C-alpha atoms as a PDB file:
ATOM      1  CA  MET A   1      27.346 -29.294  86.348  1.00  0.00           C
ATOM      2  CA  ILE A   2      30.807 -30.653  85.765  1.00  0.00           C
ATOM      3  CA  ILE A   3      30.248 -31.796  82.254  1.00  0.00           C
ATOM      4  CA  PRO A   4      29.312 -28.528  80.739  1.00  0.00           C
ATOM      5  CA  VAL A   5      32.437 -26.972  82.753  1.00  0.00           C
ATOM      6  CA  LEU A   6      34.573 -29.593  81.059  1.00  0.00           C
ATOM      7  CA  ILE A   7      33.034 -28.951  77.609  1.00  0.00           C
ATOM      8  CA  MET A   8      33.705 -25.267  77.795  1.00  0.00           C
ATOM      9  CA  SER A   9      37.135 -25.736  78.825  1.00  0.00           C
ATOM     10  CA  ALA A  10      37.767 -28.082  76.140  1.00  0.00           C
ATOM     11  CA  MET A  11      36.243 -25.883  73.433  1.00  0.00           C
ATOM     12  CA  GLY A  12      38.325 -22.940  75.062  1.00  0.00           C
ATOM     13  CA  ILE A  13      41.443 -24.995  74.353  1.00  0.00           C
ATOM     14  CA  LEU A  14      40.496 -26.033  70.995  1.00  0.00           C
ATOM     15  CA  PHE A  15      39.749 -22.403  69.946  1.00  0.00           C
ATOM     16  CA  GLY A  16      43.102 -21.110  71.475  1.00  0.00           C
ATOM     17  CA  LEU A  17      45.114 -23.842  69.626  1.00  0.00           C
ATOM     18  CA  GLY A  18      43.032 -22.909  66.479  1.00  0.00           C
ATOM     19  CA  LEU A  19      44.080 -19.182  66.966  1.00  0.00           C
ATOM     20  CA  ALA A  20      47.576 -19.988  67.665  1.00  0.00           C
ATOM     21  CA  PHE A  21      47.815 -22.272  64.599  1.00  0.00           C
ATOM     22  CA  ALA A  22      46.156 -19.525  62.244  1.00  0.00           C
ATOM     23  CA  SER A  23      48.540 -16.663  63.599  1.00  0.00           C
ATOM     24  CA  LYS A  24      51.565 -18.935  62.445  1.00  0.00           C
ATOM     25  CA  ILE A  25      49.962 -19.671  59.057  1.00  0.00           C
ATOM     26  CA  PHE A  26      48.672 -16.113  58.441  1.00  0.00           C
ATOM     27  CA  LYS A  27      51.575 -14.197  59.804  1.00  0.00           C
ATOM     28  CA  VAL A  28      52.928 -11.328  57.959  1.00  0.00           C
ATOM     29  CA  ASP A  29      56.531 -10.756  58.058  1.00  0.00           C
ATOM     30  CA  THR A  30      57.556  -7.294  58.532  1.00  0.00           C
ATOM     31  CA  ASP A  31      60.934  -5.650  57.638  1.00  0.00           C
ATOM     32  CA  PRO A  32      62.848  -5.125  61.006  1.00  0.00           C
ATOM     33  CA  LYS A  33      63.958  -1.732  59.692  1.00  0.00           C
ATOM     34  CA  VAL A  34      60.431  -0.682  59.732  1.00  0.00           C
ATOM     35  CA  GLU A  35      60.242  -0.795  63.346  1.00  0.00           C
ATOM     36  CA  LYS A  36      63.645   0.905  63.666  1.00  0.00           C
ATOM     37  CA  ILE A  37      62.864   3.721  61.485  1.00  0.00           C
ATOM     38  CA  LEU A  38      59.295   4.017  63.134  1.00  0.00           C
ATOM     39  CA  SER A  39      60.934   4.702  66.468  1.00  0.00           C
ATOM     40  CA  ALA A  40      63.245   7.259  64.889  1.00  0.00           C
ATOM     41  CA  LEU A  41      60.339   9.408  63.712  1.00  0.00           C
ATOM     42  CA  PRO A  42      58.811  11.874  66.021  1.00  0.00           C
ATOM     43  CA  GLY A  43      55.433   9.790  66.179  1.00  0.00           C
ATOM     44  CA  ALA A  44      53.228  12.959  66.053  1.00  0.00           C
ATOM     45  CA  ASN A  45      51.272  11.315  63.136  1.00  0.00           C
ATOM     46  CA  CYS A  46      50.782  15.061  61.718  1.00  0.00           C
ATOM     47  CA  GLY A  47      50.652  14.011  58.022  1.00  0.00           C
ATOM     48  CA  ALA A  48      53.133  16.546  56.689  1.00  0.00           C
ATOM     49  CA  CYS A  49      54.763  13.911  54.800  1.00  0.00           C
ATOM     50  CA  GLY A  50      51.768  13.044  52.908  1.00  0.00           C
ATOM     51  CA  LYS A  51      51.133   9.778  54.696  1.00  0.00           C
ATOM     52  CA  ALA A  52      48.433   8.828  56.865  1.00  0.00           C
ATOM     53  CA  GLY A  53      50.900   8.665  59.866  1.00  0.00           C
ATOM     54  CA  CYS A  54      54.504   7.903  60.943  1.00  0.00           C
ATOM     55  CA  ALA A  55      53.872   4.049  60.401  1.00  0.00           C
ATOM     56  CA  GLY A  56      53.088   4.688  56.757  1.00  0.00           C
ATOM     57  CA  LEU A  57      56.034   6.833  56.330  1.00  0.00           C
ATOM     58  CA  ALA A  58      58.337   4.397  57.984  1.00  0.00           C
ATOM     59  CA  GLU A  59      57.236   1.671  55.638  1.00  0.00           C
ATOM     60  CA  ALA A  60      57.685   3.700  52.578  1.00  0.00           C
ATOM     61  CA  ILE A  61      61.359   4.737  53.341  1.00  0.00           C
ATOM     62  CA  ALA A  62      62.033   0.904  54.079  1.00  0.00           C
ATOM     63  CA  ARG A  63      60.799   0.136  50.683  1.00  0.00           C
ATOM     64  CA  GLY A  64      62.492   2.946  49.153  1.00  0.00           C
ATOM     65  CA  ASP A  65      59.443   4.967  48.185  1.00  0.00           C
ATOM     66  CA  ALA A  66      60.179   7.914  50.286  1.00  0.00           C
ATOM     67  CA  SER A  67      63.333   9.764  50.748  1.00  0.00           C
ATOM     68  CA  LEU A  68      65.174  10.205  54.281  1.00  0.00           C
ATOM     69  CA  THR A  69      64.128  13.724  54.372  1.00  0.00           C
ATOM     70  CA  SER A  70      60.409  13.136  53.812  1.00  0.00           C
ATOM     71  CA  CYS A  71      59.530  13.956  57.562  1.00  0.00           C
ATOM     72  CA  PRO A  72      59.598  17.732  57.867  1.00  0.00           C
ATOM     73  CA  ALA A  73      58.855  17.581  61.630  1.00  0.00           C
ATOM     74  CA  GLY A  74      62.009  15.449  62.167  1.00  0.00           C
ATOM     75  CA  GLY A  75      64.803  17.591  60.713  1.00  0.00           C
ATOM     76  CA  ASP A  76      68.317  16.820  60.831  1.00  0.00           C
ATOM     77  CA  GLU A  77      68.387  14.475  63.837  1.00  0.00           C
ATOM     78  CA  VAL A  78      65.713  12.344  62.441  1.00  0.00           C
ATOM     79  CA  VAL A  79      67.350  12.261  59.092  1.00  0.00           C
ATOM     80  CA  GLY A  80      70.743  11.138  60.719  1.00  0.00           C
ATOM     81  CA  LYS A  81      69.072   8.359  62.562  1.00  0.00           C
ATOM     82  CA  ILE A  82      67.192   6.854  59.643  1.00  0.00           C
ATOM     83  CA  ALA A  83      70.571   6.966  57.525  1.00  0.00           C
ATOM     84  CA  GLU A  84      72.403   5.304  60.419  1.00  0.00           C
ATOM     85  CA  ILE A  85      69.547   2.443  60.067  1.00  0.00           C
ATOM     86  CA  LEU A  86      69.674   2.166  56.418  1.00  0.00           C
ATOM     87  CA  GLY A  87      73.498   2.379  56.364  1.00  0.00           C
ATOM     88  CA  VAL A  88      73.521   5.300  53.827  1.00  0.00           C
ATOM     89  CA  ASP A  89      75.243   8.750  53.901  1.00  0.00           C
ATOM     90  CA  LYS A  90      73.326  11.424  55.700  1.00  0.00           C
ATOM     91  CA  CYS A  91      71.978  14.260  53.714  1.00  0.00           C
ATOM     92  CA  SER A  92      71.464  17.661  55.227  1.00  0.00           C
ATOM     93  CA  VAL A  93      68.105  19.376  55.676  1.00  0.00           C
ATOM     94  CA  ALA A  94      67.406  23.050  55.501  1.00  0.00           C
ATOM     95  CA  ARG A  95      65.514  23.701  58.670  1.00  0.00           C
ATOM     96  CA  LYS A  96      61.995  25.379  58.005  1.00  0.00           C
ATOM     97  CA  VAL A  97      59.423  27.192  60.350  1.00  0.00           C
ATOM     98  CA  ALA A  98      56.004  28.531  59.919  1.00  0.00           C
ATOM     99  CA  ARG A  99      55.740  32.334  59.392  1.00  0.00           C
ATOM    100  CA  VAL A 100      52.591  34.294  60.178  1.00  0.00           C
ATOM    101  CA  GLY A 101      52.267  37.023  57.617  1.00  0.00           C
ATOM    102  CA  CYS A 102      50.185  39.475  59.401  1.00  0.00           C
ATOM    103  CA  GLY A 103      50.773  41.834  62.538  1.00  0.00           C
ATOM    104  CA  GLY A 104      47.542  43.153  62.535  1.00  0.00           C
ATOM    105  CA  GLY A 105      45.317  41.904  65.494  1.00  0.00           C
ATOM    106  CA  ASN A 106      44.504  44.672  67.936  1.00  0.00           C
ATOM    107  CA  ASN A 107      46.378  47.272  65.649  1.00  0.00           C
ATOM    108  CA  ALA A 108      43.733  46.245  62.957  1.00  0.00           C
ATOM    109  CA  LYS A 109      40.121  47.590  62.789  1.00  0.00           C
ATOM    110  CA  ASP A 110      37.065  45.560  62.857  1.00  0.00           C
ATOM    111  CA  LYS A 111      34.303  46.316  60.184  1.00  0.00           C
ATOM    112  CA  PHE A 112      31.695  44.826  62.545  1.00  0.00           C
ATOM    113  CA  LEU A 113      31.022  43.205  65.768  1.00  0.00           C
ATOM    114  CA  TYR A 114      31.390  39.380  65.485  1.00  0.00           C
ATOM    115  CA  GLN A 115      29.376  37.200  67.968  1.00  0.00           C
ATOM    116  CA  GLY A 116      29.498  34.021  66.266  1.00  0.00           C
ATOM    117  CA  VAL A 117      31.585  30.994  66.968  1.00  0.00           C
ATOM    118  CA  LYS A 118      34.904  31.750  68.233  1.00  0.00           C
ATOM    119  CA  THR A 119      36.972  30.216  65.242  1.00  0.00           C
ATOM    120  CA  CYS A 120      38.583  31.664  62.292  1.00  0.00           C
ATOM    121  CA  ALA A 121      36.923  29.383  59.854  1.00  0.00           C
ATOM    122  CA  ALA A 122      33.512  30.252  60.959  1.00  0.00           C
ATOM    123  CA  ALA A 123      34.268  33.948  61.107  1.00  0.00           C
ATOM    124  CA  ASN A 124      35.587  33.840  57.565  1.00  0.00           C
ATOM    125  CA  LEU A 125      32.153  32.524  56.486  1.00  0.00           C
ATOM    126  CA  ILE A 126      30.775  35.861  57.387  1.00  0.00           C
ATOM    127  CA  ALA A 127      31.725  38.434  54.632  1.00  0.00           C
ATOM    128  CA  GLY A 128      35.363  37.159  55.022  1.00  0.00           C
ATOM    129  CA  GLY A 129      35.755  37.890  58.807  1.00  0.00           C
ATOM    130  CA  GLN A 130      35.313  40.873  61.052  1.00  0.00           C
ATOM    131  CA  LYS A 131      38.605  42.562  60.245  1.00  0.00           C
ATOM    132  CA  ALA A 132      38.573  45.749  57.987  1.00  0.00           C
ATOM    133  CA  CYS A 133      41.549  44.317  56.234  1.00  0.00           C
ATOM    134  CA  SER A 134      40.417  41.698  53.942  1.00  0.00           C
ATOM    135  CA  PHE A 135      44.017  39.897  54.104  1.00  0.00           C
ATOM    136  CA  GLY A 136      44.198  39.952  58.044  1.00  0.00           C
ATOM    137  CA  CYS A 137      44.473  37.381  60.590  1.00  0.00           C
ATOM    138  CA  LEU A 138      40.961  36.974  62.297  1.00  0.00           C
ATOM    139  CA  GLY A 139      42.584  36.062  65.633  1.00  0.00           C
ATOM    140  CA  PHE A 140      40.663  33.110  66.952  1.00  0.00           C
ATOM    141  CA  GLY A 141      43.637  30.873  66.830  1.00  0.00           C
ATOM    142  CA  ASP A 142      42.589  27.922  64.795  1.00  0.00           C
ATOM    143  CA  CYS A 143      46.346  27.487  64.140  1.00  0.00           C
ATOM    144  CA  VAL A 144      47.101  27.374  67.922  1.00  0.00           C
ATOM    145  CA  VAL A 145      44.575  24.588  68.541  1.00  0.00           C
ATOM    146  CA  ILE A 146      45.711  22.368  65.554  1.00  0.00           C
ATOM    147  CA  CYS A 147      49.520  22.490  66.074  1.00  0.00           C
ATOM    148  CA  PRO A 148      50.514  19.202  67.424  1.00  0.00           C
ATOM    149  CA  PHE A 149      53.794  20.608  68.671  1.00  0.00           C
ATOM    150  CA  ASP A 150      52.423  23.467  70.821  1.00  0.00           C
ATOM    151  CA  ALA A 151      54.559  25.851  68.775  1.00  0.00           C
ATOM    152  CA  ILE A 152      52.006  28.674  68.080  1.00  0.00           C
ATOM    153  CA  HIS A 153      50.585  30.855  70.722  1.00  0.00           C
ATOM    154  CA  MET A 154      48.561  34.153  70.550  1.00  0.00           C
ATOM    155  CA  ASN A 155      50.512  37.223  71.515  1.00  0.00           C
ATOM    156  CA  GLU A 156      49.371  40.214  73.698  1.00  0.00           C
ATOM    157  CA  ASP A 157      48.027  41.723  70.326  1.00  0.00           C
ATOM    158  CA  GLY A 158      45.899  38.990  69.345  1.00  0.00           C
ATOM    159  CA  ILE A 159      48.280  37.435  66.749  1.00  0.00           C
ATOM    160  CA  PRO A 160      49.691  34.075  66.368  1.00  0.00           C
ATOM    161  CA  VAL A 161      53.321  33.827  67.016  1.00  0.00           C
ATOM    162  CA  THR A 162      55.649  30.798  66.078  1.00  0.00           C
ATOM    163  CA  ASP A 163      58.138  29.343  68.610  1.00  0.00           C
ATOM    164  CA  ILE A 164      61.076  28.600  66.258  1.00  0.00           C
ATOM    165  CA  GLU A 165      62.413  26.089  68.629  1.00  0.00           C
ATOM    166  CA  LYS A 166      59.283  24.089  68.716  1.00  0.00           C
ATOM    167  CA  CYS A 167      57.885  24.542  65.290  1.00  0.00           C
ATOM    168  CA  ALA A 168      58.482  21.449  63.121  1.00  0.00           C
ATOM    169  CA  ALA A 169      57.107  23.030  59.964  1.00  0.00           C
ATOM    170  CA  CYS A 170      54.280  20.414  59.626  1.00  0.00           C
ATOM    171  CA  GLY A 171      52.078  22.603  57.878  1.00  0.00           C
ATOM    172  CA  LYS A 172      48.955  21.911  59.848  1.00  0.00           C
ATOM    173  CA  CYS A 173      48.713  25.511  60.779  1.00  0.00           C
ATOM    174  CA  VAL A 174      48.924  26.568  57.264  1.00  0.00           C
ATOM    175  CA  SER A 175      46.046  24.362  56.324  1.00  0.00           C
ATOM    176  CA  ALA A 176      43.901  25.553  59.136  1.00  0.00           C
ATOM    177  CA  CYS A 177      44.226  29.326  58.285  1.00  0.00           C
ATOM    178  CA  PRO A 178      41.297  30.389  56.294  1.00  0.00           C
ATOM    179  CA  LYS A 179      42.961  33.808  55.249  1.00  0.00           C
ATOM    180  CA  ASN A 180      46.200  31.898  54.079  1.00  0.00           C
ATOM    181  CA  ILE A 181      48.545  34.259  55.842  1.00  0.00           C
ATOM    182  CA  ILE A 182      50.780  31.361  57.332  1.00  0.00           C
ATOM    183  CA  SER A 183      53.545  29.852  54.994  1.00  0.00           C
ATOM    184  CA  ILE A 184      56.447  27.522  55.603  1.00  0.00           C
ATOM    185  CA  GLU A 185      59.801  29.377  55.130  1.00  0.00           C
ATOM    186  CA  ASP A 186      63.586  28.640  55.603  1.00  0.00           C
ATOM    187  CA  ALA A 187      64.529  29.189  59.370  1.00  0.00           C
ATOM    188  CA  SER A 188      67.609  31.067  58.196  1.00  0.00           C
ATOM    189  CA  GLU A 189      65.633  33.741  56.574  1.00  0.00           C
ATOM    190  CA  LYS A 190      65.355  35.921  59.482  1.00  0.00           C
ATOM    191  CA  TYR A 191      63.901  38.969  57.877  1.00  0.00           C
ATOM    192  CA  TYR A 192      60.396  39.148  56.444  1.00  0.00           C
ATOM    193  CA  ILE A 193      57.218  41.309  55.878  1.00  0.00           C
ATOM    194  CA  LYS A 194      54.464  40.759  58.402  1.00  0.00           C
ATOM    195  CA  CYS A 195      51.662  41.944  56.008  1.00  0.00           C
ATOM    196  CA  LEU A 196      49.989  40.378  52.986  1.00  0.00           C
ATOM    197  CA  SER A 197      47.669  43.288  51.979  1.00  0.00           C
ATOM    198  CA  ARG A 198      47.868  44.301  48.470  1.00  0.00           C
ATOM    199  CA  ASP A 199      45.562  47.055  48.962  1.00  0.00           C
ATOM    200  CA  LYS A 200      46.445  50.750  48.257  1.00  0.00           C
ATOM    201  CA  ALA A 201      48.188  52.887  50.944  1.00  0.00           C
ATOM    202  CA  ASN A 202      45.015  54.871  51.890  1.00  0.00           C
ATOM    203  CA  ILE A 203      42.993  51.622  52.324  1.00  0.00           C
ATOM    204  CA  VAL A 204      45.762  50.078  54.346  1.00  0.00           C
ATOM    205  CA  LYS A 205      46.097  53.045  56.636  1.00  0.00           C
ATOM    206  CA  ASN A 206      42.297  53.100  57.429  1.00  0.00           C
ATOM    207  CA  ALA A 207      42.318  49.478  58.187  1.00  0.00           C
ATOM    208  CA  CYS A 208      45.602  48.767  60.195  1.00  0.00           C
ATOM    209  CA  LYS A 209      48.396  50.736  62.101  1.00  0.00           C
ATOM    210  CA  VAL A 210      51.047  48.109  60.971  1.00  0.00           C
ATOM    211  CA  GLY A 211      50.161  47.231  57.413  1.00  0.00           C
ATOM    212  CA  CYS A 212      52.644  47.541  54.379  1.00  0.00           C
ATOM    213  CA  ILE A 213      51.801  50.894  52.564  1.00  0.00           C
ATOM    214  CA  GLY A 214      54.107  50.193  49.583  1.00  0.00           C
ATOM    215  CA  CYS A 215      56.110  53.432  50.421  1.00  0.00           C
ATOM    216  CA  LYS A 216      59.246  51.963  48.758  1.00  0.00           C
ATOM    217  CA  ILE A 217      61.738  53.239  51.591  1.00  0.00           C
ATOM    218  CA  CYS A 218      62.855  49.614  52.051  1.00  0.00           C
ATOM    219  CA  GLU A 219      63.263  49.294  48.308  1.00  0.00           C
ATOM    220  CA  LYS A 220      65.529  52.356  47.986  1.00  0.00           C
ATOM    221  CA  LEU A 221      67.708  51.578  51.034  1.00  0.00           C
ATOM    222  CA  SER A 222      68.068  47.960  50.054  1.00  0.00           C
ATOM    223  CA  LYS A 223      69.160  48.653  46.413  1.00  0.00           C
ATOM    224  CA  GLY A 224      66.732  46.175  45.020  1.00  0.00           C
ATOM    225  CA  ALA A 225      66.684  43.459  47.808  1.00  0.00           C
ATOM    226  CA  PHE A 226      63.211  44.689  48.745  1.00  0.00           C
ATOM    227  CA  ILE A 227      60.845  44.916  45.896  1.00  0.00           C
ATOM    228  CA  VAL A 228      57.428  46.637  46.023  1.00  0.00           C
ATOM    229  CA  GLU A 229      54.890  44.922  43.707  1.00  0.00           C
ATOM    230  CA  ASN A 230      51.293  45.089  43.795  1.00  0.00           C
ATOM    231  CA  ASN A 231      51.446  47.668  46.778  1.00  0.00           C
ATOM    232  CA  LEU A 232      53.285  45.253  48.880  1.00  0.00           C
ATOM    233  CA  SER A 233      57.079  44.820  49.750  1.00  0.00           C
ATOM    234  CA  LYS A 234      58.828  41.405  49.397  1.00  0.00           C
ATOM    235  CA  LEU A 235      62.291  40.628  50.378  1.00  0.00           C
ATOM    236  CA  ASP A 236      64.322  38.659  47.548  1.00  0.00           C
ATOM    237  CA  TYR A 237      67.071  36.751  49.470  1.00  0.00           C
ATOM    238  CA  SER A 238      68.809  36.009  46.231  1.00  0.00           C
ATOM    239  CA  LYS A 239      69.693  39.819  46.189  1.00  0.00           C
ATOM    240  CA  LEU A 240      71.031  40.244  49.433  1.00  0.00           C
ATOM    241  CA  SER A 241      74.581  41.021  50.188  1.00  0.00           C
ATOM    242  CA  ASP A 242      76.776  41.768  53.073  1.00  0.00           C
ATOM    243  CA  ALA A 243      76.236  45.455  52.360  1.00  0.00           C
ATOM    244  CA  THR A 244      72.522  45.175  52.456  1.00  0.00           C
ATOM    245  CA  PRO A 245      71.300  47.370  55.276  1.00  0.00           C
ATOM    246  CA  LEU A 246      68.545  45.133  56.739  1.00  0.00           C
ATOM    247  CA  LYS A 247      68.490  46.558  60.136  1.00  0.00           C
ATOM    248  CA  LEU A 248      68.366  50.133  58.656  1.00  0.00           C
ATOM    249  CA  CYS A 249      65.271  48.967  56.627  1.00  0.00           C
ATOM    250  CA  VAL A 250      63.633  47.523  59.757  1.00  0.00           C
ATOM    251  CA  GLU A 251      64.373  50.971  61.481  1.00  0.00           C
ATOM    252  CA  LYS A 252      63.067  53.255  58.812  1.00  0.00           C
ATOM    253  CA  CYS A 253      59.843  51.123  58.044  1.00  0.00           C
ATOM    254  CA  PRO A 254      57.061  53.706  58.798  1.00  0.00           C
ATOM    255  CA  THR A 255      54.671  51.039  59.846  1.00  0.00           C
ATOM    256  CA  LYS A 256      57.169  48.598  61.368  1.00  0.00           C
ATOM    257  CA  CYS A 257      55.987  45.679  59.171  1.00  0.00           C
ATOM    258  CA  ILE A 258      59.307  44.418  58.372  1.00  0.00           C
ATOM    259  CA  ILE A 259      60.375  42.108  61.104  1.00  0.00           C
ATOM    260  CA  GLU A 260      63.396  40.475  62.308  1.00  0.00           C
ATOM    261  CA  ALA A 261      62.782  36.976  63.592  1.00  0.00           C
ATOM    262  CA  THR A 262      64.372  36.265  67.070  1.00  0.00           C
END
């Protein structure tokens, strides 16, 4: 009995020594900066940077193949940490957030009773979804489920709302929305139109209580900062001035589709 035990022990020692020797021979030296950069990144592995994960981005930044601002989820804080690691000057990053371009939800009519799988992707396969407005949110929260930062929640009207403090603008919600109503915008742009319908006013009124009807009241009040094109109002931030009465535009909008983000 003792001989087999000794043989197995000897084999174990030999294999262990072989593995140790192989690890020395085939060791791949890594840039110590990569580990430091990786520790500075959020670690969400959201893929918003275009890489498979944070490790891939850390390697690319260390090689000089990606910029300091490549991580949209990190913001200024992460850029500052990476700049310090690399010994370069920090560059500022304009903070961005996800905006939902629909306020319909319970204020929008359904064109049929949907009884299928409760996801937006599934509902959209059936005649573009149950909503009478072909541009509107389907309300099943695919964007909520996919958000890695817990930054989107459904409100009482059945519409996803972004938590500006938590949102990292990773863009996963944008990809998840089959109606293409979520976009990544500058956080400094507080006012926006919470509607994307390009239907004529009578169609919008029949489908939704809070849709843009292209009445041009905001266009007239703002003296061109708001522009109505294809039956939909848009805010051109390049035309804003201190004299632009944005709050008045919000107040006078008949369907209350102009939103001031808080």
